Protein backbone atom coordinates (compact mmCIF):
# COMPACT_ATOMS: atom_id res chain seq x y z
CA MET A 1 69.19 118.66 28.31
CA GLN A 2 71.25 116.06 26.34
CA ASP A 3 69.79 114.60 23.46
CA ARG A 4 70.09 110.48 24.26
CA LYS A 5 69.63 107.70 20.74
CA CYS A 6 69.91 103.93 21.84
CA ILE A 7 72.59 102.65 18.97
CA ILE A 8 72.49 98.66 20.83
CA ASN A 9 69.57 97.18 22.69
CA ALA A 10 69.65 94.27 24.72
CA SER A 11 68.92 92.00 22.71
CA LEU A 12 71.29 92.94 19.50
CA LEU A 13 73.74 93.82 22.88
CA ASP A 14 73.36 89.93 23.53
CA VAL A 15 74.29 88.36 19.96
CA MET A 16 77.66 90.87 19.92
CA LEU A 17 78.53 89.15 23.29
CA HIS A 18 77.75 86.01 22.10
CA ARG A 19 79.77 86.69 18.94
CA LEU A 20 82.74 88.19 20.46
CA CYS A 21 82.99 84.62 22.89
CA HIS A 22 83.42 82.91 19.47
CA GLN A 23 85.39 84.82 18.30
CA LEU A 24 87.86 84.37 21.38
CA ILE A 25 86.93 80.56 21.62
CA GLU A 26 88.01 80.71 18.19
CA SER A 27 91.82 82.19 18.30
CA HIS A 28 92.02 80.35 21.89
CA ALA A 29 90.68 77.96 21.68
CA GLU A 30 91.14 76.00 25.09
CA PHE A 31 91.88 79.20 26.72
CA ALA A 32 94.75 76.78 28.76
CA GLU A 33 97.39 80.03 28.71
CA THR A 34 94.26 82.93 28.34
CA VAL A 35 93.38 85.42 30.83
CA LEU A 36 91.27 87.98 30.59
CA LEU A 37 91.99 91.75 31.98
CA GLY A 38 88.75 94.13 32.62
CA LEU A 39 89.95 98.16 32.75
CA GLN A 40 88.52 99.54 35.74
CA PRO A 41 86.00 101.33 36.05
CA ARG A 42 83.80 100.49 33.53
CA GLY A 43 85.58 97.61 31.62
CA ILE A 44 84.90 95.39 34.75
CA PHE A 45 81.36 95.28 33.78
CA PHE A 46 82.26 93.75 29.86
CA ALA A 47 84.55 91.22 31.35
CA ASP A 48 82.50 90.38 33.84
CA ARG A 49 79.81 89.29 30.44
CA ILE A 50 82.40 87.90 28.35
CA GLN A 51 84.26 85.74 31.55
CA GLN A 52 80.50 84.36 32.38
CA ARG A 53 79.75 82.92 28.79
CA LEU A 54 83.24 81.57 28.28
CA SER A 55 82.49 79.78 31.53
CA LYS A 56 79.25 78.21 30.36
CA ILE A 57 80.15 78.00 27.01
CA LEU A 58 83.77 76.13 27.68
CA ASP A 59 82.23 74.54 30.66
CA LYS A 60 85.30 75.64 32.36
CA LYS A 61 86.30 78.51 34.86
CA ILE A 62 88.24 81.25 32.96
CA ASP A 63 90.69 83.70 34.95
CA LYS A 64 89.82 87.28 34.99
CA GLY A 65 91.80 89.94 36.43
CA TYR A 66 90.41 93.68 36.55
CA LEU A 67 92.91 96.00 36.03
CA ASP A 68 93.18 100.21 37.38
CA THR A 69 95.20 102.67 34.89
CA THR A 70 94.96 105.85 37.00
CA PHE A 71 98.95 105.82 38.35
CA HIS A 72 99.87 104.96 34.78
CA ARG A 73 97.70 107.41 32.93
CA ASP A 74 99.41 110.29 31.25
CA ASP A 75 97.12 113.50 32.69
CA PHE A 76 97.18 111.65 35.68
CA ARG A 77 99.00 115.06 37.40
CA ARG A 78 97.04 117.03 34.99
CA ARG A 79 94.02 117.33 36.05
CA ASN A 80 92.70 119.58 38.56
CA THR A 81 91.16 117.60 40.46
CA PRO A 82 92.62 113.97 41.78
CA LEU A 83 91.43 111.27 40.54
CA THR A 84 90.38 108.40 42.58
CA PRO A 85 91.57 104.74 41.81
CA SER A 86 89.65 101.83 41.55
CA LYS A 87 90.89 98.43 42.33
CA THR A 88 93.11 96.14 41.48
CA GLU A 89 92.81 92.39 41.15
CA VAL A 90 94.72 90.34 38.63
CA PRO A 91 95.02 86.83 41.10
CA PHE A 92 97.22 84.93 38.99
CA LEU A 93 100.92 86.34 37.28
CA ILE A 94 99.98 86.87 33.06
CA GLU A 95 103.72 85.48 32.94
CA ASP A 96 103.54 84.21 29.25
CA LYS A 97 100.64 84.27 28.88
CA ASN A 98 97.68 85.17 26.46
CA VAL A 99 96.37 88.77 27.92
CA ILE A 100 92.97 90.00 26.45
CA LEU A 101 92.68 93.88 28.27
CA LEU A 102 88.52 94.41 27.72
CA ASP A 103 87.06 97.47 28.13
CA ASP A 104 83.67 98.86 27.27
CA VAL A 105 84.84 101.95 24.87
CA LEU A 106 87.82 102.55 22.91
CA TYR A 107 88.29 106.35 22.27
CA THR A 108 91.47 108.19 22.29
CA GLY A 109 93.76 104.83 23.02
CA ARG A 110 95.10 106.61 25.94
CA SER A 111 93.42 104.43 28.85
CA VAL A 112 95.14 100.93 26.51
CA ARG A 113 98.38 102.42 26.61
CA ALA A 114 98.31 102.83 30.49
CA ALA A 115 97.19 99.90 31.00
CA LEU A 116 99.96 98.52 28.84
CA ASP A 117 102.07 100.19 31.52
CA ALA A 118 99.98 98.29 34.43
CA MET A 119 100.06 94.72 33.25
CA VAL A 120 103.87 94.94 33.46
CA SER A 121 103.36 94.95 37.01
CA PHE A 122 102.16 91.38 37.06
CA GLY A 123 104.71 90.11 34.72
CA ARG A 124 105.57 89.44 31.08
CA PRO A 125 102.66 88.08 28.70
CA ARG A 126 103.00 86.37 25.66
CA LYS A 127 100.83 88.37 23.88
CA VAL A 128 98.08 91.01 24.54
CA GLU A 129 94.93 91.57 22.67
CA LEU A 130 92.27 94.52 22.69
CA MET A 131 88.80 93.73 22.84
CA VAL A 132 86.29 96.03 23.27
CA LEU A 133 82.53 96.17 23.02
CA ILE A 134 82.55 100.17 20.77
CA ASP A 135 85.07 101.18 19.64
CA ARG A 136 84.54 104.94 18.35
CA LYS A 137 86.40 105.63 15.02
CA TYR A 138 88.34 108.10 13.66
CA THR A 139 89.11 109.48 17.89
CA ARG A 140 92.43 108.30 18.60
CA HIS A 141 95.42 110.01 19.43
CA LEU A 142 97.52 106.98 19.94
CA PRO A 143 98.27 104.20 16.70
CA ILE A 144 95.83 102.21 19.40
CA GLU A 145 93.59 99.39 17.51
CA PRO A 146 91.25 96.43 18.93
CA ASP A 147 91.60 92.88 17.92
CA TYR A 148 87.80 92.00 18.59
CA VAL A 149 84.96 94.94 18.45
CA GLY A 150 81.21 94.34 19.25
CA LEU A 151 80.36 97.35 17.10
CA ALA A 152 82.68 100.70 15.24
CA VAL A 153 80.39 104.02 15.67
CA ASN A 154 81.45 107.28 14.15
CA THR A 155 81.36 109.77 16.43
CA ILE A 156 82.10 113.60 16.66
CA ASP A 157 83.60 115.48 20.03
CA SER A 158 80.94 116.24 21.53
CA GLN A 159 78.88 113.05 21.74
CA ARG A 160 79.79 110.69 24.47
CA VAL A 161 79.06 106.79 24.20
CA LEU A 162 77.14 105.51 27.38
CA VAL A 163 77.31 101.75 28.13
CA GLU A 164 74.88 100.08 30.22
CA TRP A 165 74.99 96.99 32.53
CA GLN A 166 71.60 96.07 34.55
CA GLU A 167 70.61 93.26 36.28
CA PRO A 168 68.20 91.49 34.71
CA SER A 169 69.92 91.78 31.31
CA SER A 170 67.25 93.07 30.16
CA GLU A 171 67.83 96.75 30.50
CA ASP A 172 71.48 96.40 28.62
CA GLY A 173 71.52 98.81 26.26
CA VAL A 174 74.71 101.49 24.54
CA TRP A 175 73.38 104.51 24.12
CA LEU A 176 74.71 107.63 22.17
CA THR A 177 74.58 111.74 23.79
CA SER A 178 74.69 114.23 22.96
CA LYS A 179 74.18 118.04 24.28
CA ALA A 180 71.19 119.17 23.05
CA THR A 181 72.01 122.82 20.97
CA ASN A 182 69.44 126.01 21.19
């Protein structure tokens, strides 16, 4: 059995997404040389929401792709069960572009490190920035910090942050779960 606590409800999540989009616009103006890359598997939902909002606000198409990091992970050959890769969809070159990597939760930083390795298959970016919905503070194994953060939370190893994206968006939420103690 798990304890489950809502840390971001649908209305607060809506406000956060709005704020994050405006922070991106502030830094990247018209998005002429900027692309979004959502990290598989869960960061793609976050990337979809950010792209939809940016496209609506700016009234233009924003380039977005999905990046799988499975074969670039440092634990790829260390698991007892094989990892199942997700689909990579990057329909553009990132050569000399500003790339914004998007993930739902930043935990140890290892997925982001793997994404940096995987990304170079599509060109050498001018600049790379990281946007996360949730930054789990004090859990980093690598010196990786996000440029844009929805919410920073303090967690312990026995806890997990679960981001739920529902359609329609009234059911979206972020949950902090932990195993119940007896």
